C-alpha atoms as a PDB file:
ATOM      1  CA  MET A   1      11.464   5.454 -45.856  1.00  0.00           C
ATOM      2  CA  ASN A   2      11.037   3.291 -42.864  1.00  0.00           C
ATOM      3  CA  PHE A   3       9.844   5.184 -39.938  1.00  0.00           C
ATOM      4  CA  VAL A   4      11.325   3.091 -36.609  1.00  0.00           C
ATOM      5  CA  PHE A   5       9.530   4.107 -33.181  1.00  0.00           C
ATOM      6  CA  ASP A   6      11.119   3.675 -29.199  1.00  0.00           C
ATOM      7  CA  ILE A   7       7.775   2.467 -27.362  1.00  0.00           C
ATOM      8  CA  GLY A   8       8.182   4.334 -23.612  1.00  0.00           C
ATOM      9  CA  ASN A   9       7.381   8.186 -23.857  1.00  0.00           C
ATOM     10  CA  VAL A  10       7.027   7.985 -27.415  1.00  0.00           C
ATOM     11  CA  LEU A  11       3.662   5.286 -28.289  1.00  0.00           C
ATOM     12  CA  VAL A  12       3.016   4.865 -24.334  1.00  0.00           C
ATOM     13  CA  THR A  13       3.523   6.635 -20.789  1.00  0.00           C
ATOM     14  CA  TYR A  14       6.248   5.778 -19.155  1.00  0.00           C
ATOM     15  CA  LYS A  15       6.973   8.155 -15.888  1.00  0.00           C
ATOM     16  CA  PRO A  16       8.190   5.904 -13.301  1.00  0.00           C
ATOM     17  CA  TYR A  17       8.096   8.330 -10.347  1.00  0.00           C
ATOM     18  CA  THR A  18       4.253   9.648 -11.306  1.00  0.00           C
ATOM     19  CA  TYR A  19       3.307   6.151 -11.287  1.00  0.00           C
ATOM     20  CA  ILE A  20       5.176   5.123  -7.747  1.00  0.00           C
ATOM     21  CA  GLU A  21       3.878   8.554  -6.333  1.00  0.00           C
ATOM     22  CA  GLY A  22       0.367   7.942  -7.714  1.00  0.00           C
ATOM     23  CA  LEU A  23       0.594   4.702  -5.608  1.00  0.00           C
ATOM     24  CA  PHE A  24       1.747   6.353  -2.762  1.00  0.00           C
ATOM     25  CA  PRO A  25       0.751  10.208  -2.641  1.00  0.00           C
ATOM     26  CA  GLY A  26       2.998  11.851  -0.238  1.00  0.00           C
ATOM     27  CA  SER A  27       4.893   8.963   1.133  1.00  0.00           C
ATOM     28  CA  PRO A  28       8.659  10.137   2.050  1.00  0.00           C
ATOM     29  CA  PHE A  29      10.082   6.921  -0.137  1.00  0.00           C
ATOM     30  CA  VAL A  30       8.524   7.785  -3.162  1.00  0.00           C
ATOM     31  CA  LYS A  31      12.025   8.714  -4.821  1.00  0.00           C
ATOM     32  CA  GLU A  32      13.636   6.276  -3.254  1.00  0.00           C
ATOM     33  CA  LEU A  33      11.478   3.458  -4.082  1.00  0.00           C
ATOM     34  CA  ALA A  34      11.161   4.651  -7.785  1.00  0.00           C
ATOM     35  CA  ALA A  35      15.137   5.141  -8.118  1.00  0.00           C
ATOM     36  CA  ALA A  36      15.151   1.461  -6.933  1.00  0.00           C
ATOM     37  CA  ILE A  37      12.883  -0.322  -8.772  1.00  0.00           C
ATOM     38  CA  PHE A  38      13.176   1.629 -11.988  1.00  0.00           C
ATOM     39  CA  LEU A  39      16.919   3.007 -12.090  1.00  0.00           C
ATOM     40  CA  GLY A  40      18.593  -0.143 -10.851  1.00  0.00           C
ATOM     41  CA  LYS A  41      20.685  -3.071 -12.535  1.00  0.00           C
ATOM     42  CA  GLU A  42      17.341  -5.443 -11.425  1.00  0.00           C
ATOM     43  CA  TRP A  43      15.027  -3.190 -14.561  1.00  0.00           C
ATOM     44  CA  LEU A  44      17.618  -3.343 -17.084  1.00  0.00           C
ATOM     45  CA  ASP A  45      18.526  -6.861 -16.584  1.00  0.00           C
ATOM     46  CA  LEU A  46      14.361  -7.167 -17.297  1.00  0.00           C
ATOM     47  CA  ASP A  47      14.599  -5.145 -20.279  1.00  0.00           C
ATOM     48  CA  ARG A  48      17.780  -7.308 -21.162  1.00  0.00           C
ATOM     49  CA  GLY A  49      15.546 -10.294 -20.926  1.00  0.00           C
ATOM     50  CA  THR A  50      18.098 -12.327 -18.031  1.00  0.00           C
ATOM     51  CA  LEU A  51      15.778 -11.868 -14.887  1.00  0.00           C
ATOM     52  CA  THR A  52      12.093 -12.478 -14.295  1.00  0.00           C
ATOM     53  CA  PHE A  53       9.516  -9.516 -12.623  1.00  0.00           C
ATOM     54  CA  GLY A  54       9.612 -11.807  -9.670  1.00  0.00           C
ATOM     55  CA  GLU A  55      13.319 -12.236  -9.796  1.00  0.00           C
ATOM     56  CA  ALA A  56      13.491  -8.592  -9.781  1.00  0.00           C
ATOM     57  CA  CYS A  57      10.873  -8.118  -6.968  1.00  0.00           C
ATOM     58  CA  GLU A  58      12.474 -10.683  -4.566  1.00  0.00           C
ATOM     59  CA  ILE A  59      16.011  -9.261  -5.385  1.00  0.00           C
ATOM     60  CA  LEU A  60      15.168  -5.551  -4.257  1.00  0.00           C
ATOM     61  CA  CYS A  61      12.577  -7.093  -1.264  1.00  0.00           C
ATOM     62  CA  LYS A  62      15.771  -8.724   0.317  1.00  0.00           C
ATOM     63  CA  ARG A  63      17.416  -5.702  -0.401  1.00  0.00           C
ATOM     64  CA  MET A  64      15.120  -3.093   1.137  1.00  0.00           C
ATOM     65  CA  PRO A  65      13.110  -5.129   3.545  1.00  0.00           C
ATOM     66  CA  GLU A  66      11.268  -2.162   5.436  1.00  0.00           C
ATOM     67  CA  LEU A  67       9.795  -1.510   2.039  1.00  0.00           C
ATOM     68  CA  ASP A  68       8.450  -5.127   1.096  1.00  0.00           C
ATOM     69  CA  ALA A  69       5.014  -4.626   1.033  1.00  0.00           C
ATOM     70  CA  GLU A  70       5.385  -1.177  -1.507  1.00  0.00           C
ATOM     71  CA  ILE A  71       8.118  -3.215  -3.732  1.00  0.00           C
ATOM     72  CA  ARG A  72       5.294  -5.777  -4.380  1.00  0.00           C
ATOM     73  CA  LEU A  73       2.870  -3.645  -5.387  1.00  0.00           C
ATOM     74  CA  ALA A  74       4.611  -1.355  -6.943  1.00  0.00           C
ATOM     75  CA  PHE A  75       5.766  -4.542  -9.376  1.00  0.00           C
ATOM     76  CA  LYS A  76       2.033  -6.087  -9.135  1.00  0.00           C
ATOM     77  CA  ASN A  77       0.176  -2.997 -10.394  1.00  0.00           C
ATOM     78  CA  VAL A  78       3.113  -2.431 -12.810  1.00  0.00           C
ATOM     79  CA  ASN A  79       1.185  -1.907 -16.194  1.00  0.00           C
ATOM     80  CA  ASN A  80      -0.382   0.853 -14.646  1.00  0.00           C
ATOM     81  CA  LEU A  81       2.904   2.672 -16.337  1.00  0.00           C
ATOM     82  CA  TYR A  82       1.685   2.426 -19.459  1.00  0.00           C
ATOM     83  CA  SER A  83      -1.174   4.465 -21.522  1.00  0.00           C
ATOM     84  CA  PRO A  84      -0.981   5.115 -25.285  1.00  0.00           C
ATOM     85  CA  ILE A  85       0.709   8.694 -26.206  1.00  0.00           C
ATOM     86  CA  THR A  86      -2.573   9.009 -29.439  1.00  0.00           C
ATOM     87  CA  GLU A  87      -0.537  12.024 -30.800  1.00  0.00           C
ATOM     88  CA  THR A  88       1.910   9.782 -31.615  1.00  0.00           C
ATOM     89  CA  THR A  89      -0.219   6.688 -31.868  1.00  0.00           C
ATOM     90  CA  ASP A  90      -2.526   8.440 -34.446  1.00  0.00           C
ATOM     91  CA  LEU A  91      -0.123   9.328 -36.835  1.00  0.00           C
ATOM     92  CA  LEU A  92       1.049   5.439 -37.424  1.00  0.00           C
ATOM     93  CA  PRO A  93      -1.520   4.881 -39.973  1.00  0.00           C
ATOM     94  CA  LYS A  94      -1.146   8.185 -41.493  1.00  0.00           C
ATOM     95  CA  ILE A  95       2.666   7.275 -42.013  1.00  0.00           C
ATOM     96  CA  ARG A  96       1.792   3.680 -43.825  1.00  0.00           C
ATOM     97  CA  GLU A  97      -1.283   5.634 -45.828  1.00  0.00           C
ATOM     98  CA  GLN A  98       1.963   8.491 -47.368  1.00  0.00           C
ATOM     99  CA  GLY A  99       3.375   4.449 -48.208  1.00  0.00           C
ATOM    100  CA  HIS A 100       5.935   4.208 -45.567  1.00  0.00           C
ATOM    101  CA  LYS A 101       6.550   1.221 -43.461  1.00  0.00           C
ATOM    102  CA  ILE A 102       7.025   1.276 -39.194  1.00  0.00           C
ATOM    103  CA  TYR A 103       8.779  -0.798 -36.942  1.00  0.00           C
ATOM    104  CA  TYR A 104       9.476  -0.433 -33.026  1.00  0.00           C
ATOM    105  CA  LEU A 105      13.102  -0.926 -31.301  1.00  0.00           C
ATOM    106  CA  SER A 106      12.242  -0.883 -27.604  1.00  0.00           C
ATOM    107  CA  ASN A 107      14.281  -1.255 -24.272  1.00  0.00           C
ATOM    108  CA  ILE A 108      11.193  -3.561 -22.695  1.00  0.00           C
ATOM    109  CA  SER A 109      11.016  -6.853 -20.365  1.00  0.00           C
ATOM    110  CA  PHE A 110       8.890  -9.767 -21.558  1.00  0.00           C
ATOM    111  CA  ASP A 111       6.195  -9.099 -18.995  1.00  0.00           C
ATOM    112  CA  ALA A 112       5.686  -5.379 -20.499  1.00  0.00           C
ATOM    113  CA  ARG A 113       5.931  -6.390 -24.032  1.00  0.00           C
ATOM    114  CA  ASP A 114       3.487  -8.918 -23.899  1.00  0.00           C
ATOM    115  CA  TYR A 115       1.139  -6.398 -22.299  1.00  0.00           C
ATOM    116  CA  LEU A 116       1.585  -3.980 -24.411  1.00  0.00           C
ATOM    117  CA  LEU A 117       1.124  -6.552 -27.456  1.00  0.00           C
ATOM    118  CA  GLN A 118      -2.022  -7.873 -26.016  1.00  0.00           C
ATOM    119  CA  ASN A 119      -3.747  -4.665 -25.076  1.00  0.00           C
ATOM    120  CA  TYR A 120      -2.669  -2.266 -27.508  1.00  0.00           C
ATOM    121  CA  ARG A 121      -3.914  -2.751 -31.561  1.00  0.00           C
ATOM    122  CA  PHE A 122      -2.452  -0.131 -33.075  1.00  0.00           C
ATOM    123  CA  PHE A 123       1.079  -2.739 -32.954  1.00  0.00           C
ATOM    124  CA  ASP A 124      -0.973  -4.386 -35.521  1.00  0.00           C
ATOM    125  CA  LEU A 125      -0.352  -1.430 -37.692  1.00  0.00           C
ATOM    126  CA  PHE A 126       3.772  -2.239 -37.558  1.00  0.00           C
ATOM    127  CA  ASP A 127       5.529  -4.193 -40.195  1.00  0.00           C
ATOM    128  CA  GLY A 128       7.882  -5.690 -37.528  1.00  0.00           C
ATOM    129  CA  GLY A 129      10.349  -4.501 -34.882  1.00  0.00           C
ATOM    130  CA  VAL A 130      13.206  -5.566 -31.581  1.00  0.00           C
ATOM    131  CA  PHE A 131      11.938  -5.815 -28.514  1.00  0.00           C
ATOM    132  CA  SER A 132      15.336  -5.824 -26.694  1.00  0.00           C
ATOM    133  CA  CYS A 133      14.510  -8.981 -24.329  1.00  0.00           C
ATOM    134  CA  ASP A 134      14.134 -11.500 -26.893  1.00  0.00           C
ATOM    135  CA  VAL A 135      17.408 -10.264 -28.284  1.00  0.00           C
ATOM    136  CA  ARG A 136      19.326  -9.760 -24.994  1.00  0.00           C
ATOM    137  CA  LEU A 137      20.541  -6.022 -26.466  1.00  0.00           C
ATOM    138  CA  LEU A 138      19.879  -3.180 -25.213  1.00  0.00           C
ATOM    139  CA  LYS A 139      19.950   0.675 -26.774  1.00  0.00           C
ATOM    140  CA  PRO A 140      22.090   2.215 -27.368  1.00  0.00           C
ATOM    141  CA  GLU A 141      24.559  -0.950 -27.692  1.00  0.00           C
ATOM    142  CA  GLU A 142      25.098  -0.720 -31.555  1.00  0.00           C
ATOM    143  CA  GLU A 143      24.265  -4.377 -31.826  1.00  0.00           C
ATOM    144  CA  ILE A 144      20.416  -4.513 -31.277  1.00  0.00           C
ATOM    145  CA  TYR A 145      20.251  -1.550 -34.201  1.00  0.00           C
ATOM    146  CA  ARG A 146      21.790  -3.844 -36.318  1.00  0.00           C
ATOM    147  CA  HIS A 147      20.037  -6.981 -35.647  1.00  0.00           C
ATOM    148  CA  LEU A 148      16.334  -4.780 -36.446  1.00  0.00           C
ATOM    149  CA  LEU A 149      18.492  -3.684 -40.189  1.00  0.00           C
ATOM    150  CA  GLU A 150      19.500  -7.198 -40.762  1.00  0.00           C
ATOM    151  CA  LYS A 151      16.260  -8.835 -39.564  1.00  0.00           C
ATOM    152  CA  HIS A 152      13.846  -6.663 -41.765  1.00  0.00           C
ATOM    153  CA  SER A 153      16.742  -6.269 -44.821  1.00  0.00           C
ATOM    154  CA  LEU A 154      16.633  -2.787 -43.727  1.00  0.00           C
ATOM    155  CA  THR A 155      18.772   0.016 -45.678  1.00  0.00           C
ATOM    156  CA  PRO A 156      20.440   2.207 -42.848  1.00  0.00           C
ATOM    157  CA  GLU A 157      19.609   5.385 -44.861  1.00  0.00           C
ATOM    158  CA  GLU A 158      16.240   4.927 -45.535  1.00  0.00           C
ATOM    159  CA  CYS A 159      15.312   4.587 -41.886  1.00  0.00           C
ATOM    160  CA  ILE A 160      14.213   7.383 -39.293  1.00  0.00           C
ATOM    161  CA  PHE A 161      14.529   6.243 -36.029  1.00  0.00           C
ATOM    162  CA  PHE A 162      12.675   7.898 -33.084  1.00  0.00           C
ATOM    163  CA  ASP A 163      13.799   7.768 -29.345  1.00  0.00           C
ATOM    164  CA  ASP A 164      12.936  10.317 -26.309  1.00  0.00           C
ATOM    165  CA  VAL A 165      16.482   9.426 -25.250  1.00  0.00           C
ATOM    166  CA  GLU A 166      19.206  11.572 -26.570  1.00  0.00           C
ATOM    167  CA  ALA A 167      21.913   8.712 -26.501  1.00  0.00           C
ATOM    168  CA  ASN A 168      19.810   5.787 -28.305  1.00  0.00           C
ATOM    169  CA  ALA A 169      18.674   8.706 -31.350  1.00  0.00           C
ATOM    170  CA  LYS A 170      22.781   9.824 -31.978  1.00  0.00           C
ATOM    171  CA  ALA A 171      23.767   5.616 -31.202  1.00  0.00           C
ATOM    172  CA  ALA A 172      21.589   4.985 -34.188  1.00  0.00           C
ATOM    173  CA  GLU A 173      23.228   7.644 -36.445  1.00  0.00           C
ATOM    174  CA  LYS A 174      26.571   5.671 -35.965  1.00  0.00           C
ATOM    175  CA  LEU A 175      25.164   3.029 -38.538  1.00  0.00           C
ATOM    176  CA  GLY A 176      23.528   5.538 -40.873  1.00  0.00           C
ATOM    177  CA  ILE A 177      20.315   5.731 -39.378  1.00  0.00           C
ATOM    178  CA  ARG A 178      18.613   9.073 -39.140  1.00  0.00           C
ATOM    179  CA  GLY A 179      18.446   9.157 -35.001  1.00  0.00           C
ATOM    180  CA  VAL A 180      15.548  12.266 -33.679  1.00  0.00           C
ATOM    181  CA  THR A 181      15.570  12.402 -30.437  1.00  0.00           C
ATOM    182  CA  PHE A 182      11.737  12.498 -29.778  1.00  0.00           C
ATOM    183  CA  THR A 183      10.172  15.954 -27.907  1.00  0.00           C
ATOM    184  CA  GLY A 184       6.369  14.931 -29.176  1.00  0.00           C
ATOM    185  CA  ALA A 185       4.278  14.237 -31.862  1.00  0.00           C
ATOM    186  CA  GLY A 186       5.428  17.402 -34.238  1.00  0.00           C
ATOM    187  CA  CYS A 187       8.579  16.211 -34.702  1.00  0.00           C
ATOM    188  CA  VAL A 188       7.115  12.830 -36.517  1.00  0.00           C
ATOM    189  CA  ILE A 189       4.687  15.222 -38.233  1.00  0.00           C
ATOM    190  CA  GLU A 190       8.160  17.410 -39.401  1.00  0.00           C
ATOM    191  CA  ASN A 191       9.492  14.437 -41.072  1.00  0.00           C
ATOM    192  CA  MET A 192       6.371  12.319 -43.179  1.00  0.00           C
ATOM    193  CA  ALA A 193       6.184  14.710 -45.532  1.00  0.00           C
END
C-alpha cells in the first residue's frame, strides 16, 4: 500500500488565526488580517506557484495600508506557523517498516516548501510526492492527483490519501484512491494493519 499525506494539519501544524493572534494578542484586527492573508486569492496563488511571498505581501500592503507594518511582520515570520505533529510524523518510520511506501501531496508555496524540507528531517523518509507550487496545480483539482500517480507510477487502488480537508480526500476518491479525512493519528493507525 502507498500512504499519501497532506502536510498542513497532518504532518505539521497550520493554524493561521492562532499564528496572527500570537503576533498581535488581543488586537481588534486579528480576524481581518488572518483572513486577508490566508483566505485570499494571494495565498492560493502562492500555493499555485504563480506569486512570490514578496509580491503577495506588497499586494496586501497596498490593499490594506493601515496594516502595512502588521502584514510585513506576518509575512516575515510566517514559518512560525509550522511545527511537527509528532503523533503523525512518528508513524512514518513504522509505516515504512511494514513495507509500505509514503508520499506527500500538498498545497504549498515555494517558500514554505523550502523551509519545511530544510528544517524537518522526516521528509527524508518519503519516497516522493508533489508540492502544488512545483506543478501549478491545487487540490482538489483532479490534475494534481493524476500528476502524483503518473510521476511515481502509482496504481490508484493501491493508494490511501490522508487530508484534513474533506473535499480534498473526496477528490482523490474520484480517481480510485482511498481518501481519508484526517482527524488525528488514529485514522492513520487504523489503516496500517
